[in-house]
Amino acid sequence: MKEFNEKLAKWINSVPSTDAGINNIQIPGQVEHLVWQNRSKAPSQYELDFVQHLIQAFRQGVTELNDLTVALNEQGFRNESGDVWTVESFSTEMQRLGY
């Protein structure tokens, strides 16, 4: 199974084609269905770790953003630059990661 959509990776920051469907015609019964349609790359180890720490916080009943940043800090998980989480840094990170 592919970890990401290779076509999407090529399209990021590119100029859209003026020719509709060029090299992209789908033949019924021969369409490649991708599990990760919207991924342009495989997730990094940091992103995978981030998900696990978020899951742990949610399992503890965290539902508010401020409490989520507190939970991440209490777990010892820091952002990619090594800083503790704030509401602002969490929001910025979610925007950067595209979620």
PDB file of N, CA and C in Angstrom:
ATOM      1  N   MET A   1       0.844  -1.174   0.000  1.00  0.00           N
ATOM      2  CA  MET A   1       0.000   0.000   0.000  1.00  0.00           C
ATOM      3  C   MET A   1       0.893   1.243   0.000  1.00  0.00           C
ATOM      4  N   LYS A   2       0.534   2.198  -0.820  1.00  0.00           N
ATOM      5  CA  LYS A   2       1.287   3.442  -0.874  1.00  0.00           C
ATOM      6  C   LYS A   2       1.013   4.269   0.379  1.00  0.00           C
ATOM      7  N   GLU A   3       2.045   4.969   0.852  1.00  0.00           N
ATOM      8  CA  GLU A   3       1.930   5.788   2.044  1.00  0.00           C
ATOM      9  C   GLU A   3       1.363   7.176   1.758  1.00  0.00           C
ATOM     10  N   PHE A   4       1.373   7.587   0.481  1.00  0.00           N
ATOM     11  CA  PHE A   4       0.872   8.910   0.120  1.00  0.00           C
ATOM     12  C   PHE A   4       0.499   8.925  -1.344  1.00  0.00           C
ATOM     13  N   ASN A   5      -0.185   9.975  -1.764  1.00  0.00           N
ATOM     14  CA  ASN A   5      -0.639  10.138  -3.134  1.00  0.00           C
ATOM     15  C   ASN A   5       0.479  10.788  -3.949  1.00  0.00           C
ATOM     16  N   GLU A   6       1.153  10.004  -4.767  1.00  0.00           N
ATOM     17  CA  GLU A   6       2.292  10.507  -5.541  1.00  0.00           C
ATOM     18  C   GLU A   6       1.886  11.624  -6.499  1.00  0.00           C
ATOM     19  N   LYS A   7       0.679  11.531  -7.051  1.00  0.00           N
ATOM     20  CA  LYS A   7       0.217  12.583  -7.963  1.00  0.00           C
ATOM     21  C   LYS A   7       0.024  13.895  -7.214  1.00  0.00           C
ATOM     22  N   LEU A   8      -0.499  13.818  -6.005  1.00  0.00           N
ATOM     23  CA  LEU A   8      -0.708  15.025  -5.211  1.00  0.00           C
ATOM     24  C   LEU A   8       0.618  15.703  -4.901  1.00  0.00           C
ATOM     25  N   ALA A   9       1.640  14.916  -4.596  1.00  0.00           N
ATOM     26  CA  ALA A   9       2.960  15.483  -4.305  1.00  0.00           C
ATOM     27  C   ALA A   9       3.475  16.289  -5.488  1.00  0.00           C
ATOM     28  N   LYS A  10       3.188  15.836  -6.692  1.00  0.00           N
ATOM     29  CA  LYS A  10       3.647  16.544  -7.892  1.00  0.00           C
ATOM     30  C   LYS A  10       2.848  17.819  -8.138  1.00  0.00           C
ATOM     31  N   TRP A  11       1.614  17.856  -7.655  1.00  0.00           N
ATOM     32  CA  TRP A  11       0.741  18.995  -7.919  1.00  0.00           C
ATOM     33  C   TRP A  11       0.936  20.150  -6.946  1.00  0.00           C
ATOM     34  N   ILE A  12       1.518  19.904  -5.798  1.00  0.00           N
ATOM     35  CA  ILE A  12       1.670  20.965  -4.810  1.00  0.00           C
ATOM     36  C   ILE A  12       2.563  22.061  -5.382  1.00  0.00           C
ATOM     37  N   ASN A  13       2.090  23.293  -5.261  1.00  0.00           N
ATOM     38  CA  ASN A  13       2.813  24.486  -5.741  1.00  0.00           C
ATOM     39  C   ASN A  13       3.062  24.467  -7.238  1.00  0.00           C
ATOM     40  N   SER A  14       2.260  23.764  -7.988  1.00  0.00           N
ATOM     41  CA  SER A  14       2.428  23.771  -9.439  1.00  0.00           C
ATOM     42  C   SER A  14       1.283  24.542 -10.080  1.00  0.00           C
ATOM     43  N   VAL A  15       1.481  24.867 -11.330  1.00  0.00           N
ATOM     44  CA  VAL A  15       0.445  25.577 -12.077  1.00  0.00           C
ATOM     45  C   VAL A  15      -0.520  24.546 -12.646  1.00  0.00           C
ATOM     46  N   PRO A  16      -1.819  24.728 -12.406  1.00  0.00           N
ATOM     47  CA  PRO A  16      -2.784  23.751 -12.925  1.00  0.00           C
ATOM     48  C   PRO A  16      -2.737  23.646 -14.446  1.00  0.00           C
ATOM     49  N   SER A  17      -2.974  22.466 -14.947  1.00  0.00           N
ATOM     50  CA  SER A  17      -2.999  22.242 -16.384  1.00  0.00           C
ATOM     51  C   SER A  17      -4.232  22.897 -16.986  1.00  0.00           C
ATOM     52  N   THR A  18      -4.063  23.438 -18.174  1.00  0.00           N
ATOM     53  CA  THR A  18      -5.209  24.020 -18.880  1.00  0.00           C
ATOM     54  C   THR A  18      -5.985  22.946 -19.632  1.00  0.00           C
ATOM     55  N   ASP A  19      -5.421  21.747 -19.746  1.00  0.00           N
ATOM     56  CA  ASP A  19      -6.065  20.625 -20.424  1.00  0.00           C
ATOM     57  C   ASP A  19      -6.734  19.733 -19.388  1.00  0.00           C
ATOM     58  N   ALA A  20      -8.047  19.770 -19.368  1.00  0.00           N
ATOM     59  CA  ALA A  20      -8.794  18.991 -18.379  1.00  0.00           C
ATOM     60  C   ALA A  20      -8.528  17.497 -18.533  1.00  0.00           C
ATOM     61  N   GLY A  21      -8.183  16.843 -17.435  1.00  0.00           N
ATOM     62  CA  GLY A  21      -8.039  15.393 -17.411  1.00  0.00           C
ATOM     63  C   GLY A  21      -6.846  14.833 -18.154  1.00  0.00           C
ATOM     64  N   ILE A  22      -5.918  15.662 -18.586  1.00  0.00           N
ATOM     65  CA  ILE A  22      -4.767  15.166 -19.348  1.00  0.00           C
ATOM     66  C   ILE A  22      -3.991  14.139 -18.512  1.00  0.00           C
ATOM     67  N   ASN A  23      -3.728  12.999 -19.062  1.00  0.00           N
ATOM     68  CA  ASN A  23      -2.996  11.906 -18.403  1.00  0.00           C
ATOM     69  C   ASN A  23      -3.663  11.441 -17.113  1.00  0.00           C
ATOM     70  N   ASN A  24      -4.940  11.661 -16.989  1.00  0.00           N
ATOM     71  CA  ASN A  24      -5.613  11.333 -15.744  1.00  0.00           C
ATOM     72  C   ASN A  24      -6.981  10.706 -15.979  1.00  0.00           C
ATOM     73  N   ILE A  25      -7.186  10.125 -17.135  1.00  0.00           N
ATOM     74  CA  ILE A  25      -8.474   9.520 -17.446  1.00  0.00           C
ATOM     75  C   ILE A  25      -8.595   8.198 -16.696  1.00  0.00           C
ATOM     76  N   GLN A  26      -9.715   8.008 -16.036  1.00  0.00           N
ATOM     77  CA  GLN A  26      -9.933   6.788 -15.267  1.00  0.00           C
ATOM     78  C   GLN A  26     -10.800   5.829 -16.072  1.00  0.00           C
ATOM     79  N   ILE A  27     -10.317   4.623 -16.219  1.00  0.00           N
ATOM     80  CA  ILE A  27     -11.042   3.581 -16.938  1.00  0.00           C
ATOM     81  C   ILE A  27     -11.808   2.750 -15.909  1.00  0.00           C
ATOM     82  N   PRO A  28     -13.116   2.616 -16.058  1.00  0.00           N
ATOM     83  CA  PRO A  28     -13.896   1.840 -15.092  1.00  0.00           C
ATOM     84  C   PRO A  28     -13.299   0.452 -14.877  1.00  0.00           C
ATOM     85  N   GLY A  29     -13.190   0.086 -13.604  1.00  0.00           N
ATOM     86  CA  GLY A  29     -12.638  -1.218 -13.246  1.00  0.00           C
ATOM     87  C   GLY A  29     -11.123  -1.227 -13.149  1.00  0.00           C
ATOM     88  N   GLN A  30     -10.476  -0.143 -13.570  1.00  0.00           N
ATOM     89  CA  GLN A  30      -9.021  -0.072 -13.519  1.00  0.00           C
ATOM     90  C   GLN A  30      -8.523   1.138 -12.724  1.00  0.00           C
ATOM     91  N   VAL A  31      -9.400   1.714 -11.930  1.00  0.00           N
ATOM     92  CA  VAL A  31      -9.046   2.892 -11.141  1.00  0.00           C
ATOM     93  C   VAL A  31      -8.232   2.448  -9.931  1.00  0.00           C
ATOM     94  N   GLU A  32      -7.124   3.124  -9.688  1.00  0.00           N
ATOM     95  CA  GLU A  32      -6.314   2.833  -8.511  1.00  0.00           C
ATOM     96  C   GLU A  32      -6.878   3.627  -7.331  1.00  0.00           C
ATOM     97  N   HIS A  33      -7.439   2.927  -6.364  1.00  0.00           N
ATOM     98  CA  HIS A  33      -7.995   3.580  -5.186  1.00  0.00           C
ATOM     99  C   HIS A  33      -6.909   3.687  -4.128  1.00  0.00           C
ATOM    100  N   LEU A  34      -6.606   4.913  -3.749  1.00  0.00           N
ATOM    101  CA  LEU A  34      -5.559   5.165  -2.762  1.00  0.00           C
ATOM    102  C   LEU A  34      -6.178   5.376  -1.388  1.00  0.00           C
ATOM    103  N   VAL A  35      -5.578   4.768  -0.381  1.00  0.00           N
ATOM    104  CA  VAL A  35      -6.051   4.960   0.982  1.00  0.00           C
ATOM    105  C   VAL A  35      -5.767   6.393   1.419  1.00  0.00           C
ATOM    106  N   TRP A  36      -4.619   6.908   1.058  1.00  0.00           N
ATOM    107  CA  TRP A  36      -4.186   8.239   1.491  1.00  0.00           C
ATOM    108  C   TRP A  36      -4.326   9.233   0.343  1.00  0.00           C
ATOM    109  N   GLN A  37      -5.556   9.514  -0.099  1.00  0.00           N
ATOM    110  CA  GLN A  37      -5.808  10.405  -1.224  1.00  0.00           C
ATOM    111  C   GLN A  37      -5.245  11.803  -1.010  1.00  0.00           C
ATOM    112  N   ASN A  38      -5.276  12.307   0.223  1.00  0.00           N
ATOM    113  CA  ASN A  38      -4.902  13.695   0.454  1.00  0.00           C
ATOM    114  C   ASN A  38      -3.514  13.876   1.073  1.00  0.00           C
ATOM    115  N   ARG A  39      -2.721  12.833   1.125  1.00  0.00           N
ATOM    116  CA  ARG A  39      -1.348  12.954   1.634  1.00  0.00           C
ATOM    117  C   ARG A  39      -0.390  13.196   0.480  1.00  0.00           C
ATOM    118  N   SER A  40       0.440  14.209   0.606  1.00  0.00           N
ATOM    119  CA  SER A  40       1.449  14.461  -0.425  1.00  0.00           C
ATOM    120  C   SER A  40       2.797  13.847  -0.066  1.00  0.00           C
ATOM    121  N   LYS A  41       2.919  13.337   1.164  1.00  0.00           N
ATOM    122  CA  LYS A  41       4.143  12.658   1.617  1.00  0.00           C
ATOM    123  C   LYS A  41       3.786  11.768   2.793  1.00  0.00           C
ATOM    124  N   ALA A  42       4.630  10.829   3.070  1.00  0.00           N
ATOM    125  CA  ALA A  42       4.415   9.991   4.246  1.00  0.00           C
ATOM    126  C   ALA A  42       4.667  10.837   5.495  1.00  0.00           C
ATOM    127  N   PRO A  43       3.936  10.591   6.587  1.00  0.00           N
ATOM    128  CA  PRO A  43       4.145  11.386   7.796  1.00  0.00           C
ATOM    129  C   PRO A  43       5.523  11.142   8.404  1.00  0.00           C
ATOM    130  N   SER A  44       6.088  12.192   8.975  1.00  0.00           N
ATOM    131  CA  SER A  44       7.394  12.089   9.639  1.00  0.00           C
ATOM    132  C   SER A  44       7.207  11.412  10.997  1.00  0.00           C
ATOM    133  N   GLN A  45       8.312  11.025  11.616  1.00  0.00           N
ATOM    134  CA  GLN A  45       8.235  10.410  12.947  1.00  0.00           C
ATOM    135  C   GLN A  45       7.640  11.406  13.947  1.00  0.00           C
ATOM    136  N   TYR A  46       7.997  12.675  13.820  1.00  0.00           N
ATOM    137  CA  TYR A  46       7.420  13.714  14.686  1.00  0.00           C
ATOM    138  C   TYR A  46       5.893  13.739  14.563  1.00  0.00           C
ATOM    139  N   GLU A  47       5.378  13.688  13.343  1.00  0.00           N
ATOM    140  CA  GLU A  47       3.930  13.710  13.127  1.00  0.00           C
ATOM    141  C   GLU A  47       3.262  12.468  13.715  1.00  0.00           C
ATOM    142  N   LEU A  48       3.890  11.310  13.545  1.00  0.00           N
ATOM    143  CA  LEU A  48       3.339  10.077  14.115  1.00  0.00           C
ATOM    144  C   LEU A  48       3.332  10.128  15.646  1.00  0.00           C
ATOM    145  N   ASP A  49       4.410  10.656  16.228  1.00  0.00           N
ATOM    146  CA  ASP A  49       4.476  10.802  17.688  1.00  0.00           C
ATOM    147  C   ASP A  49       3.425  11.798  18.181  1.00  0.00           C
ATOM    148  N   PHE A  50       3.256  12.882  17.432  1.00  0.00           N
ATOM    149  CA  PHE A  50       2.270  13.904  17.769  1.00  0.00           C
ATOM    150  C   PHE A  50       0.876  13.274  17.859  1.00  0.00           C
ATOM    151  N   VAL A  51       0.535  12.463  16.876  1.00  0.00           N
ATOM    152  CA  VAL A  51      -0.773  11.793  16.866  1.00  0.00           C
ATOM    153  C   VAL A  51      -0.947  10.930  18.107  1.00  0.00           C
ATOM    154  N   GLN A  52       0.078  10.174  18.467  1.00  0.00           N
ATOM    155  CA  GLN A  52      -0.032   9.297  19.631  1.00  0.00           C
ATOM    156  C   GLN A  52      -0.249  10.091  20.914  1.00  0.00           C
ATOM    157  N   HIS A  53       0.432  11.227  21.042  1.00  0.00           N
ATOM    158  CA  HIS A  53       0.256  12.061  22.233  1.00  0.00           C
ATOM    159  C   HIS A  53      -1.128  12.723  22.246  1.00  0.00           C
ATOM    160  N   LEU A  54      -1.638  13.094  21.084  1.00  0.00           N
ATOM    161  CA  LEU A  54      -2.993  13.638  21.019  1.00  0.00           C
ATOM    162  C   LEU A  54      -4.019  12.580  21.424  1.00  0.00           C
ATOM    163  N   ILE A  55      -3.846  11.373  20.924  1.00  0.00           N
ATOM    164  CA  ILE A  55      -4.756  10.281  21.276  1.00  0.00           C
ATOM    165  C   ILE A  55      -4.751  10.047  22.781  1.00  0.00           C
ATOM    166  N   GLN A  56      -3.562  10.064  23.371  1.00  0.00           N
ATOM    167  CA  GLN A  56      -3.454   9.858  24.818  1.00  0.00           C
ATOM    168  C   GLN A  56      -4.210  10.956  25.578  1.00  0.00           C
ATOM    169  N   ALA A  57      -4.075  12.190  25.134  1.00  0.00           N
ATOM    170  CA  ALA A  57      -4.778  13.302  25.789  1.00  0.00           C
ATOM    171  C   ALA A  57      -6.286  13.142  25.648  1.00  0.00           C
ATOM    172  N   PHE A  58      -6.741  12.785  24.463  1.00  0.00           N
ATOM    173  CA  PHE A  58      -8.181  12.613  24.251  1.00  0.00           C
ATOM    174  C   PHE A  58      -8.733  11.449  25.078  1.00  0.00           C
ATOM    175  N   ARG A  59      -7.946  10.400  25.233  1.00  0.00           N
ATOM    176  CA  ARG A  59      -8.385   9.264  26.064  1.00  0.00           C
ATOM    177  C   ARG A  59      -8.535   9.670  27.521  1.00  0.00           C
ATOM    178  N   GLN A  60      -7.786  10.681  27.921  1.00  0.00           N
ATOM    179  CA  GLN A  60      -7.873  11.180  29.303  1.00  0.00           C
ATOM    180  C   GLN A  60      -9.047  12.137  29.484  1.00  0.00           C
ATOM    181  N   GLY A  61      -9.807  12.346  28.421  1.00  0.00           N
ATOM    182  CA  GLY A  61     -10.999  13.172  28.506  1.00  0.00           C
ATOM    183  C   GLY A  61     -10.794  14.638  28.163  1.00  0.00           C
ATOM    184  N   VAL A  62      -9.640  14.990  27.635  1.00  0.00           N
ATOM    185  CA  VAL A  62      -9.377  16.380  27.268  1.00  0.00           C
ATOM    186  C   VAL A  62     -10.270  16.775  26.097  1.00  0.00           C
ATOM    187  N   THR A  63     -10.949  17.919  26.236  1.00  0.00           N
ATOM    188  CA  THR A  63     -11.826  18.396  25.167  1.00  0.00           C
ATOM    189  C   THR A  63     -11.585  19.859  24.814  1.00  0.00           C
ATOM    190  N   GLU A  64     -10.873  20.588  25.654  1.00  0.00           N
ATOM    191  CA  GLU A  64     -10.631  22.020  25.423  1.00  0.00           C
ATOM    192  C   GLU A  64      -9.188  22.244  24.988  1.00  0.00           C
ATOM    193  N   LEU A  65      -8.995  23.231  24.106  1.00  0.00           N
ATOM    194  CA  LEU A  65      -7.675  23.489  23.529  1.00  0.00           C
ATOM    195  C   LEU A  65      -6.630  23.808  24.593  1.00  0.00           C
ATOM    196  N   ASN A  66      -6.967  24.643  25.549  1.00  0.00           N
ATOM    197  CA  ASN A  66      -6.002  24.982  26.593  1.00  0.00           C
ATOM    198  C   ASN A  66      -5.591  23.734  27.375  1.00  0.00           C
ATOM    199  N   ASP A  67      -6.574  22.883  27.701  1.00  0.00           N
ATOM    200  CA  ASP A  67      -6.282  21.637  28.422  1.00  0.00           C
ATOM    201  C   ASP A  67      -5.437  20.695  27.572  1.00  0.00           C
ATOM    202  N   LEU A  68      -5.635  20.736  26.267  1.00  0.00           N
ATOM    203  CA  LEU A  68      -4.854  19.884  25.371  1.00  0.00           C
ATOM    204  C   LEU A  68      -3.381  20.290  25.385  1.00  0.00           C
ATOM    205  N   THR A  69      -3.113  21.582  25.345  1.00  0.00           N
ATOM    206  CA  THR A  69      -1.710  22.023  25.382  1.00  0.00           C
ATOM    207  C   THR A  69      -1.071  21.669  26.721  1.00  0.00           C
ATOM    208  N   VAL A  70      -1.834  21.790  27.807  1.00  0.00           N
ATOM    209  CA  VAL A  70      -1.336  21.402  29.128  1.00  0.00           C
ATOM    210  C   VAL A  70      -1.004  19.910  29.135  1.00  0.00           C
ATOM    211  N   ALA A  71      -1.913  19.089  28.579  1.00  0.00           N
ATOM    212  CA  ALA A  71      -1.699  17.637  28.547  1.00  0.00           C
ATOM    213  C   ALA A  71      -0.453  17.273  27.738  1.00  0.00           C
ATOM    214  N   LEU A  72      -0.264  17.906  26.584  1.00  0.00           N
ATOM    215  CA  LEU A  72       0.930  17.626  25.775  1.00  0.00           C
ATOM    216  C   LEU A  72       2.192  17.970  26.548  1.00  0.00           C
ATOM    217  N   ASN A  73       2.179  19.097  27.239  1.00  0.00           N
ATOM    218  CA  ASN A  73       3.344  19.504  28.033  1.00  0.00           C
ATOM    219  C   ASN A  73       3.585  18.552  29.195  1.00  0.00           C
ATOM    220  N   GLU A  74       2.510  18.113  29.845  1.00  0.00           N
ATOM    221  CA  GLU A  74       2.649  17.171  30.965  1.00  0.00           C
ATOM    222  C   GLU A  74       3.182  15.818  30.490  1.00  0.00           C
ATOM    223  N   GLN A  75       2.855  15.440  29.263  1.00  0.00           N
ATOM    224  CA  GLN A  75       3.367  14.182  28.700  1.00  0.00           C
ATOM    225  C   GLN A  75       4.836  14.304  28.317  1.00  0.00           C
ATOM    226  N   GLY A  76       5.351  15.527  28.302  1.00  0.00           N
ATOM    227  CA  GLY A  76       6.744  15.743  27.922  1.00  0.00           C
ATOM    228  C   GLY A  76       6.939  15.864  26.418  1.00  0.00           C
ATOM    229  N   PHE A  77       5.854  15.948  25.673  1.00  0.00           N
ATOM    230  CA  PHE A  77       5.964  16.081  24.226  1.00  0.00           C
ATOM    231  C   PHE A  77       6.086  17.556  23.873  1.00  0.00           C
ATOM    232  N   ARG A  78       7.137  17.889  23.148  1.00  0.00           N
ATOM    233  CA  ARG A  78       7.392  19.272  22.761  1.00  0.00           C
ATOM    234  C   ARG A  78       7.158  19.437  21.270  1.00  0.00           C
ATOM    235  N   ASN A  79       6.993  20.688  20.844  1.00  0.00           N
ATOM    236  CA  ASN A  79       6.827  20.923  19.410  1.00  0.00           C
ATOM    237  C   ASN A  79       8.150  20.660  18.699  1.00  0.00           C
ATOM    238  N   GLU A  80       8.135  20.749  17.396  1.00  0.00           N
ATOM    239  CA  GLU A  80       9.299  20.337  16.602  1.00  0.00           C
ATOM    240  C   GLU A  80      10.551  21.145  16.922  1.00  0.00           C
ATOM    241  N   SER A  81      10.388  22.375  17.389  1.00  0.00           N
ATOM    242  CA  SER A  81      11.562  23.188  17.753  1.00  0.00           C
ATOM    243  C   SER A  81      11.988  22.971  19.204  1.00  0.00           C
ATOM    244  N   GLY A  82      11.266  22.099  19.935  1.00  0.00           N
ATOM    245  CA  GLY A  82      11.641  21.754  21.303  1.00  0.00           C
ATOM    246  C   GLY A  82      11.007  22.625  22.369  1.00  0.00           C
ATOM    247  N   ASP A  83      10.102  23.513  21.970  1.00  0.00           N
ATOM    248  CA  ASP A  83       9.446  24.412  22.919  1.00  0.00           C
ATOM    249  C   ASP A  83       8.183  23.774  23.489  1.00  0.00           C
ATOM    250  N   VAL A  84       7.763  24.264  24.661  1.00  0.00           N
ATOM    251  CA  VAL A  84       6.506  23.795  25.243  1.00  0.00           C
ATOM    252  C   VAL A  84       5.348  24.334  24.427  1.00  0.00           C
ATOM    253  N   TRP A  85       4.223  23.655  24.548  1.00  0.00           N
ATOM    254  CA  TRP A  85       3.044  24.032  23.773  1.00  0.00           C
ATOM    255  C   TRP A  85       2.291  25.179  24.427  1.00  0.00           C
ATOM    256  N   THR A  86       1.792  26.075  23.585  1.00  0.00           N
ATOM    257  CA  THR A  86       0.839  27.109  23.978  1.00  0.00           C
ATOM    258  C   THR A  86      -0.353  26.968  23.036  1.00  0.00           C
ATOM    259  N   VAL A  87      -1.441  27.618  23.341  1.00  0.00           N
ATOM    260  CA  VAL A  87      -2.603  27.593  22.450  1.00  0.00           C
ATOM    261  C   VAL A  87      -2.194  28.135  21.081  1.00  0.00           C
ATOM    262  N   GLU A  88      -1.408  29.204  21.084  1.00  0.00           N
ATOM    263  CA  GLU A  88      -0.982  29.819  19.828  1.00  0.00           C
ATOM    264  C   GLU A  88      -0.067  28.892  19.028  1.00  0.00           C
ATOM    265  N   SER A  89       0.909  28.269  19.704  1.00  0.00           N
ATOM    266  CA  SER A  89       1.840  27.403  18.968  1.00  0.00           C
ATOM    267  C   SER A  89       1.132  26.149  18.449  1.00  0.00           C
ATOM    268  N   PHE A  90       0.156  25.643  19.211  1.00  0.00           N
ATOM    269  CA  PHE A  90      -0.605  24.485  18.753  1.00  0.00           C
ATOM    270  C   PHE A  90      -1.417  24.836  17.510  1.00  0.00           C
ATOM    271  N   SER A  91      -2.092  25.978  17.535  1.00  0.00           N
ATOM    272  CA  SER A  91      -2.890  26.413  16.391  1.00  0.00           C
ATOM    273  C   SER A  91      -2.017  26.624  15.160  1.00  0.00           C
ATOM    274  N   THR A  92      -0.850  27.222  15.361  1.00  0.00           N
ATOM    275  CA  THR A  92       0.087  27.439  14.260  1.00  0.00           C
ATOM    276  C   THR A  92       0.568  26.109  13.683  1.00  0.00           C
ATOM    277  N   GLU A  93       0.841  25.152  14.561  1.00  0.00           N
ATOM    278  CA  GLU A  93       1.305  23.838  14.108  1.00  0.00           C
ATOM    279  C   GLU A  93       0.237  23.107  13.332  1.00  0.00           C
ATOM    280  N   MET A  94      -1.016  23.193  13.768  1.00  0.00           N
ATOM    281  CA  MET A  94      -2.111  22.551  13.036  1.00  0.00           C
ATOM    282  C   MET A  94      -2.259  23.163  11.648  1.00  0.00           C
ATOM    283  N   GLN A  95      -2.084  24.474  11.551  1.00  0.00           N
ATOM    284  CA  GLN A  95      -2.141  25.123  10.242  1.00  0.00           C
ATOM    285  C   GLN A  95      -0.977  24.687   9.361  1.00  0.00           C
ATOM    286  N   ARG A  96       0.210  24.592   9.947  1.00  0.00           N
ATOM    287  CA  ARG A  96       1.396  24.171   9.177  1.00  0.00           C
ATOM    288  C   ARG A  96       1.242  22.747   8.679  1.00  0.00           C
ATOM    289  N   LEU A  97       0.718  21.882   9.522  1.00  0.00           N
ATOM    290  CA  LEU A  97       0.565  20.477   9.140  1.00  0.00           C
ATOM    291  C   LEU A  97      -0.644  20.262   8.236  1.00  0.00           C
ATOM    292  N   GLY A  98      -1.523  21.243   8.167  1.00  0.00           N
ATOM    293  CA  GLY A  98      -2.653  21.162   7.256  1.00  0.00           C
ATOM    294  C   GLY A  98      -3.862  20.424   7.778  1.00  0.00           C
ATOM    295  N   TYR A  99      -4.016  20.371   9.099  1.00  0.00           N
ATOM    296  CA  TYR A  99      -5.141  19.646   9.656  1.00  0.00           C
ATOM    297  C   TYR A  99      -6.198  20.583  10.132  1.00  0.00           C
TER     298      TYR A  99
END
